[in-house]
Protein backbone atom coordinates (compact mmCIF):
# COMPACT_ATOMS: atom_id res chain seq x y z
CA UNK A 1 11.86 -0.25 17.17
CA UNK A 2 13.51 -1.51 13.96
CA UNK A 3 12.60 0.32 10.69
CA UNK A 4 13.61 0.85 7.17
CA UNK A 5 13.84 4.13 5.32
CA UNK A 6 10.58 5.06 2.99
CA UNK A 7 13.21 6.52 0.45
CA UNK A 8 11.96 9.98 1.37
CA UNK A 9 13.62 12.19 4.02
CA UNK A 10 10.29 13.90 4.63
CA UNK A 11 8.58 10.67 5.24
CA UNK A 12 11.27 9.33 7.44
CA UNK A 13 11.11 12.33 9.65
CA UNK A 14 7.05 12.13 9.58
CA UNK A 15 7.13 8.41 10.41
CA UNK A 16 10.20 8.76 13.26
CA UNK A 17 12.53 6.72 11.07
CA UNK A 18 10.49 4.98 8.33
CA UNK A 19 8.26 1.83 8.06
CA UNK A 20 8.37 -0.65 10.97
CA UNK A 21 10.08 -3.92 10.04
CA UNK A 22 7.66 -6.46 11.69
CA UNK A 23 4.26 -5.16 10.51
CA UNK A 24 2.08 -4.52 7.49
CA UNK A 25 1.91 -0.79 6.50
CA UNK A 26 -1.25 -0.15 4.44
CA UNK A 27 -1.35 2.88 2.11
CA UNK A 28 -4.79 3.69 0.84
CA UNK A 29 -6.39 6.42 -1.15
CA UNK A 30 -8.03 7.15 -4.50
CA UNK A 31 -6.47 6.61 -7.85
CA UNK A 32 -3.57 9.06 -8.64
CA UNK A 33 -2.98 9.86 -5.03
CA UNK A 34 0.60 8.40 -5.04
CA UNK A 35 0.20 4.90 -3.77
CA UNK A 36 2.52 3.50 -6.33
CA UNK A 37 4.96 6.23 -6.42
CA UNK A 38 5.56 5.66 -2.42
CA UNK A 39 6.00 1.86 -3.23
CA UNK A 40 8.49 2.40 -6.05
CA UNK A 41 10.40 4.96 -3.87
CA UNK A 42 10.84 2.56 -1.10
CA UNK A 43 11.81 -0.10 -3.39
CA UNK A 44 14.35 2.03 -5.34
CA UNK A 45 15.90 2.99 -1.97
CA UNK A 46 16.43 -0.52 -1.08
CA UNK A 47 17.63 -1.65 -4.57
CA UNK A 48 20.26 1.15 -4.43
CA UNK A 49 21.76 -0.25 -1.32
CA UNK A 50 22.03 -3.69 -2.96
CA UNK A 51 19.00 -5.13 -0.99
CA UNK A 52 16.68 -7.47 -2.38
CA UNK A 53 12.88 -6.47 -2.83
CA UNK A 54 9.95 -8.59 -3.71
CA UNK A 55 7.18 -6.44 -5.60
CA UNK A 56 3.91 -8.07 -6.30
CA UNK A 57 2.11 -6.00 -9.11
CA UNK A 58 -1.64 -6.84 -9.43
CA UNK A 59 -2.68 -3.72 -11.13
CA UNK A 60 0.05 -3.53 -13.74
CA UNK A 61 0.98 -0.10 -12.53
CA UNK A 62 4.74 -1.02 -11.85
CA UNK A 63 6.65 1.26 -14.26
CA UNK A 64 10.37 0.75 -15.22
CA UNK A 65 10.49 4.32 -16.58
CA UNK A 66 9.31 5.57 -13.14
CA UNK A 67 12.02 3.27 -11.54
CA UNK A 68 14.66 4.87 -13.79
CA UNK A 69 13.51 8.46 -12.99
CA UNK A 70 13.88 7.90 -9.27
CA UNK A 71 16.86 5.72 -9.36
CA UNK A 72 18.76 7.07 -12.08
CA UNK A 73 19.05 3.75 -13.80
CA UNK A 74 17.11 0.69 -14.53
CA UNK A 75 20.28 -1.38 -13.60
CA UNK A 76 18.53 -1.65 -10.05
CA UNK A 77 15.86 -3.83 -11.28
CA UNK A 78 18.19 -6.65 -10.82
CA UNK A 79 17.53 -6.51 -7.05
CA UNK A 80 13.69 -6.28 -7.50
CA UNK A 81 11.84 -9.53 -8.10
CA UNK A 82 8.55 -8.46 -9.73
CA UNK A 83 5.74 -11.09 -9.27
CA UNK A 84 2.50 -10.53 -11.29
CA UNK A 85 -0.87 -11.97 -10.13
CA UNK A 86 -4.00 -11.69 -12.46
CA UNK A 87 -6.71 -13.47 -10.41
CA UNK A 88 -7.38 -13.29 -6.56
CA UNK A 89 -6.24 -16.99 -6.55
CA UNK A 90 -3.05 -16.30 -8.16
CA UNK A 91 -2.36 -13.79 -5.40
CA UNK A 92 -3.13 -16.11 -2.79
CA UNK A 93 -0.55 -18.63 -4.32
CA UNK A 94 2.08 -15.70 -4.46
CA UNK A 95 1.54 -15.55 -0.63
CA UNK A 96 1.74 -19.08 -0.08
CA UNK A 97 4.83 -19.35 -1.89
CA UNK A 98 6.34 -16.41 0.15
CA UNK A 99 5.52 -18.17 3.42
CA UNK A 100 7.76 -21.19 2.51
CA UNK A 101 10.50 -19.78 0.25
CA UNK A 102 11.18 -16.22 1.12
CA UNK A 103 14.52 -15.61 2.96
CA UNK A 104 15.58 -13.36 5.61
CA UNK A 105 17.66 -11.67 3.04
CA UNK A 106 14.69 -9.91 1.60
CA UNK A 107 14.52 -6.36 2.78
CA UNK A 108 11.14 -5.41 1.72
CA UNK A 109 7.98 -6.79 0.41
CA UNK A 110 5.42 -4.79 -1.45
CA UNK A 111 1.90 -5.60 -2.65
CA UNK A 112 0.34 -3.11 -4.90
CA UNK A 113 -2.50 -3.48 -4.56
CA UNK A 114 -3.86 -5.99 -2.01
CA UNK A 115 -7.45 -5.25 -2.96
CA UNK A 116 -8.13 -4.88 -6.74
CA UNK A 117 -8.25 -8.53 -7.60
CA UNK A 118 -10.15 -9.16 -4.27
CA UNK A 119 -12.65 -6.65 -5.38
CA UNK A 120 -13.30 -8.24 -8.60
CA UNK A 121 -13.63 -11.59 -7.23
CA UNK A 122 -15.96 -10.23 -4.25
CA UNK A 123 -18.22 -8.63 -7.13
CA UNK A 124 -18.70 -11.68 -8.91
CA UNK A 125 -19.11 -13.75 -5.65
CA UNK A 126 -21.86 -11.42 -4.66
CA UNK A 127 -23.86 -12.06 -7.66
CA UNK A 128 -23.76 -15.66 -6.79
CA UNK A 129 -24.42 -16.25 -3.11
CA UNK A 130 -23.53 -14.80 0.33
CA UNK A 131 -21.64 -18.08 1.10
CA UNK A 132 -19.32 -17.31 -1.89
CA UNK A 133 -18.74 -13.71 -0.86
CA UNK A 134 -17.86 -14.96 2.81
CA UNK A 135 -15.44 -17.47 1.23
CA UNK A 136 -13.56 -14.64 -0.37
CA UNK A 137 -13.60 -12.41 2.67
CA UNK A 138 -12.10 -15.36 4.68
CA UNK A 139 -9.44 -15.93 1.93
CA UNK A 140 -8.47 -12.28 2.02
CA UNK A 141 -7.91 -12.69 5.98
CA UNK A 142 -5.82 -15.56 5.34
CA UNK A 143 -3.60 -13.64 2.83
CA UNK A 144 -3.16 -10.92 5.30
CA UNK A 145 -2.38 -13.44 8.06
CA UNK A 146 0.27 -14.95 5.85
CA UNK A 147 1.89 -11.67 5.24
CA UNK A 148 1.84 -11.10 8.98
CA UNK A 149 3.50 -14.24 9.67
CA UNK A 150 6.23 -13.54 7.15
CA UNK A 151 6.83 -10.02 8.51
CA UNK A 152 6.98 -11.03 12.29
CA UNK A 153 8.86 -14.18 11.73
CA UNK A 154 11.58 -13.09 9.37
CA UNK A 155 11.52 -9.56 10.32
CA UNK A 156 10.68 -8.19 6.91
CA UNK A 157 8.41 -5.10 6.37
CA UNK A 158 5.33 -5.47 4.26
CA UNK A 159 4.04 -2.66 2.41
CA UNK A 160 0.75 -2.91 0.64
CA UNK A 161 -1.74 -0.46 -1.05
CA UNK A 162 -5.41 -0.30 -1.02
CA UNK A 163 -8.22 1.34 -2.91
CA UNK A 164 -10.92 3.16 -1.52
CA UNK A 165 -14.70 3.85 -2.20
CA UNK A 166 -17.45 6.33 -1.02
CA UNK A 167 -20.71 5.07 0.50
CA UNK A 168 -23.02 7.43 -1.20
CA UNK A 169 -26.49 7.71 0.23
CA UNK A 170 -29.24 9.41 -1.68
CA UNK A 171 -29.78 12.86 -0.67
CA UNK A 172 -30.27 16.35 -1.95
CA UNK A 173 -28.65 18.26 0.86
CA UNK A 174 -25.56 19.99 -0.31
CA UNK A 175 -23.73 19.56 2.98
CA UNK A 176 -24.39 15.94 3.16
CA UNK A 177 -23.02 15.43 -0.33
CA UNK A 178 -19.95 17.34 0.54
CA UNK A 179 -19.47 15.27 3.76
CA UNK A 180 -19.89 11.98 1.71
CA UNK A 181 -17.22 12.93 -0.59
CA UNK A 182 -14.88 13.54 2.17
CA UNK A 183 -15.66 10.14 3.84
CA UNK A 184 -13.55 7.35 2.06
CA UNK A 185 -13.50 3.61 3.33
CA UNK A 186 -11.01 1.28 2.45
CA UNK A 187 -11.79 -1.89 0.38
CA UNK A 188 -11.81 -4.80 2.77
CA UNK A 189 -12.64 -2.61 5.56
CA UNK A 190 -12.04 -4.06 9.10
CA UNK A 191 -10.02 -7.00 7.78
CA UNK A 192 -7.26 -4.47 6.66
CA UNK A 193 -7.74 -2.58 9.59
CA UNK A 194 -7.30 -5.40 11.99
CA UNK A 195 -4.10 -6.78 10.21
CA UNK A 196 -2.33 -3.53 9.37
CA UNK A 197 -0.52 -1.96 12.23
CA UNK A 198 0.13 1.24 10.35
CA UNK A 199 -2.47 2.92 8.26
CA UNK A 200 -1.54 5.85 5.94
CA UNK A 201 -4.43 7.60 4.17
CA UNK A 202 -3.48 9.65 0.81
CA UNK A 203 -5.83 12.44 -0.24
CA UNK A 204 -5.56 14.55 -3.30
CA UNK A 205 -7.18 17.43 -5.23
CA UNK A 206 -5.67 18.27 -8.55
CA UNK A 207 -1.98 18.79 -7.72
CA UNK A 208 -2.54 18.86 -3.90
CA UNK A 209 -1.67 15.91 -1.90
CA UNK A 210 -1.70 14.93 1.73
CA UNK A 211 -0.94 11.86 3.87
CA UNK A 212 -2.65 11.21 7.09
CA UNK A 213 -1.34 8.84 9.70
CA UNK A 214 -4.57 7.11 10.65
CA UNK A 215 -3.02 4.29 12.87
CA UNK A 216 0.35 3.52 14.33
CA UNK A 217 1.70 1.46 17.42
CA UNK A 218 3.61 4.59 18.83
CA UNK A 219 2.97 7.69 16.82
CA UNK A 220 -0.42 9.66 17.16
CA UNK A 221 -2.51 10.62 14.09
CA UNK A 222 -1.02 13.58 12.09
CA UNK A 223 -0.57 14.83 8.37
CA UNK A 224 2.02 15.46 5.81
CA UNK A 225 1.47 17.55 2.74
CA UNK A 226 3.79 16.68 -0.12
CA UNK A 227 4.05 16.95 -3.96
CA UNK A 228 5.30 14.26 -6.43
CA UNK A 229 8.24 15.19 -8.43
CA UNK A 230 10.73 13.36 -11.02
CA UNK A 231 12.85 12.12 -8.19
CA UNK A 232 10.08 11.33 -5.54
CA UNK A 233 8.12 13.27 -3.07
CA UNK A 234 8.99 16.65 -1.59
CA UNK A 235 7.20 19.04 0.75
CA UNK A 236 5.20 21.79 -1.14
CA UNK A 237 6.86 25.31 -1.29
CA UNK A 238 3.35 26.60 -0.21
CA UNK A 239 0.58 25.41 2.20
CA UNK A 240 -2.30 23.65 0.24
CA UNK A 241 -4.99 22.94 2.62
């Protein structure tokens, strides 16, 4: 099965070679868990090889300083085409353009994140009617279908990040409260699960971070502890969890 490097030796070993080329890989977790770092690491690795990367930034989280830290120079940005969407509908148009214009020479497509603008639009739609909320959900499904079509037909890996939320129920039971804190759900839920062939959950507690492989076509569920450094990510020198 064709793969590309994640940009990290530890992640490559963990994923048995890297990210699959013809699928969507979704990385999800709370703010500060390392989602954007994994995206930039992968983009830098491809750009350093002279390959072209499309990076769709919906959160304004792409950092040229972080790019320089990892890659050693900002010169490689010439190999990274950065597109910025500020509304859910602009995001949709970005994907529509990719479907007709993207070339097989592109080595990686990154969407960071797939859910922020969707979440904002859905919140507004929910205030109006269920029908409008349904339209938003169907549009997200179509956007993911477009990304899947690009990935399969042109053999280009698609890496997307996603936000999470906790489903808190009212309770005074300390054990139930702790359990609710551990249970996080992806924004977009079943829509993202259906279209993503690889799901990686990131967890964090202060400086501690863990990646959990929740879904993969050929690899069983497993975990990887890591720390974020100036040059990317590394295995910790001691066990966190």
